[in-house]
C-alpha atoms as a PDB file:
ATOM      1  CA  MET A   1      92.781 100.443 118.669  1.00  0.00           C
ATOM      2  CA  SER A   2      90.246 100.609 115.894  1.00  0.00           C
ATOM      3  CA  ALA A   3      87.612  97.921 115.332  1.00  0.00           C
ATOM      4  CA  ASP A   4      88.012  97.987 111.543  1.00  0.00           C
ATOM      5  CA  PHE A   5      90.374  99.132 108.821  1.00  0.00           C
ATOM      6  CA  GLU A   6      90.500 102.868 108.210  1.00  0.00           C
ATOM      7  CA  TYR A   7      91.783 104.686 105.132  1.00  0.00           C
ATOM      8  CA  GLY A   8      95.440 105.622 105.661  1.00  0.00           C
ATOM      9  CA  MET A   9      95.917 103.259 108.614  1.00  0.00           C
ATOM     10  CA  LYS A  10      99.466 101.917 108.953  1.00  0.00           C
ATOM     11  CA  VAL A  11      99.499  98.137 109.445  1.00  0.00           C
ATOM     12  CA  SER A  12     102.002  95.341 109.935  1.00  0.00           C
ATOM     13  CA  LEU A  13     101.825  91.578 109.611  1.00  0.00           C
ATOM     14  CA  GLY A  14     104.602  89.004 109.630  1.00  0.00           C
ATOM     15  CA  GLY A  15     107.372  91.597 109.624  1.00  0.00           C
ATOM     16  CA  GLU A  16     105.927  93.461 106.640  1.00  0.00           C
ATOM     17  CA  PHE A  17     104.515  96.963 106.803  1.00  0.00           C
ATOM     18  CA  GLY A  18     101.789  98.555 104.741  1.00  0.00           C
ATOM     19  CA  VAL A  19      99.059 101.130 104.545  1.00  0.00           C
ATOM     20  CA  VAL A  20      95.312 100.778 103.978  1.00  0.00           C
ATOM     21  CA  VAL A  21      94.432 102.402 100.658  1.00  0.00           C
ATOM     22  CA  LYS A  22      91.149 103.319  99.027  1.00  0.00           C
ATOM     23  CA  SER A  23      90.038 101.189  96.116  1.00  0.00           C
ATOM     24  CA  GLU A  24      87.679 102.509  93.454  1.00  0.00           C
ATOM     25  CA  LEU A  25      85.327  99.676  94.429  1.00  0.00           C
ATOM     26  CA  ASP A  26      85.249 100.533  98.146  1.00  0.00           C
ATOM     27  CA  LYS A  27      81.924 101.436  99.665  1.00  0.00           C
ATOM     28  CA  PRO A  28      81.884 104.456 101.995  1.00  0.00           C
ATOM     29  CA  ASN A  29      83.701 103.648 105.252  1.00  0.00           C
ATOM     30  CA  PHE A  30      84.464 100.056 104.153  1.00  0.00           C
ATOM     31  CA  PHE A  31      88.186  99.713 103.533  1.00  0.00           C
ATOM     32  CA  GLY A  32      90.537  96.747 103.567  1.00  0.00           C
ATOM     33  CA  ARG A  33      92.893  96.929 100.599  1.00  0.00           C
ATOM     34  CA  ILE A  34      96.477  97.003 101.878  1.00  0.00           C
ATOM     35  CA  CYS A  35      99.499  98.173  99.920  1.00  0.00           C
ATOM     36  CA  TRP A  36     102.552  96.420 101.368  1.00  0.00           C
ATOM     37  CA  ASP A  37     105.999  98.021 101.425  1.00  0.00           C
ATOM     38  CA  THR A  38     107.946  95.293  99.630  1.00  0.00           C
ATOM     39  CA  GLU A  39     110.328  95.082  96.700  1.00  0.00           C
ATOM     40  CA  LYS A  40     107.441  94.169  94.384  1.00  0.00           C
ATOM     41  CA  GLU A  41     106.228  97.075  92.275  1.00  0.00           C
ATOM     42  CA  PHE A  42     102.577  96.335  93.073  1.00  0.00           C
ATOM     43  CA  ASP A  43     101.979  94.395  96.289  1.00  0.00           C
ATOM     44  CA  PHE A  44      98.326  94.695  97.304  1.00  0.00           C
ATOM     45  CA  GLU A  45      96.167  92.365  99.409  1.00  0.00           C
ATOM     46  CA  ASP A  46      92.442  92.479  99.900  1.00  0.00           C
ATOM     47  CA  TRP A  47      91.413  92.178 103.563  1.00  0.00           C
ATOM     48  CA  HIS A  48      87.888  93.648 103.205  1.00  0.00           C
ATOM     49  CA  GLY A  49      85.673  92.369 106.014  1.00  0.00           C
ATOM     50  CA  LEU A  50      88.554  90.402 107.537  1.00  0.00           C
ATOM     51  CA  PHE A  51      89.793  92.786 110.236  1.00  0.00           C
ATOM     52  CA  GLY A  52      89.278  90.159 112.978  1.00  0.00           C
ATOM     53  CA  SER A  53      91.192  87.548 110.981  1.00  0.00           C
ATOM     54  CA  PHE A  54      93.962  90.060 110.316  1.00  0.00           C
ATOM     55  CA  ILE A  55      94.324  90.729 114.062  1.00  0.00           C
ATOM     56  CA  ASN A  56      94.121  87.009 114.908  1.00  0.00           C
ATOM     57  CA  LYS A  57      97.016  86.308 112.503  1.00  0.00           C
ATOM     58  CA  GLY A  58      99.124  88.818 114.473  1.00  0.00           C
ATOM     59  CA  GLY A  59      98.367  91.924 112.442  1.00  0.00           C
ATOM     60  CA  LYS A  60      98.744  95.309 114.093  1.00  0.00           C
END
């Protein structure tokens, strides 16, 4: 398993699934914006620098 978010990484948390996307504000090799696959048209969350917290909450 990776030690940080990577662009294009598939993730899940709390029964929801998403993918790590690149934001215009991202620095090189520093990702963390997740687009969740929900019924909402735009469902993004910012997890930059919070990979450990994401895993601790049960994220995969």
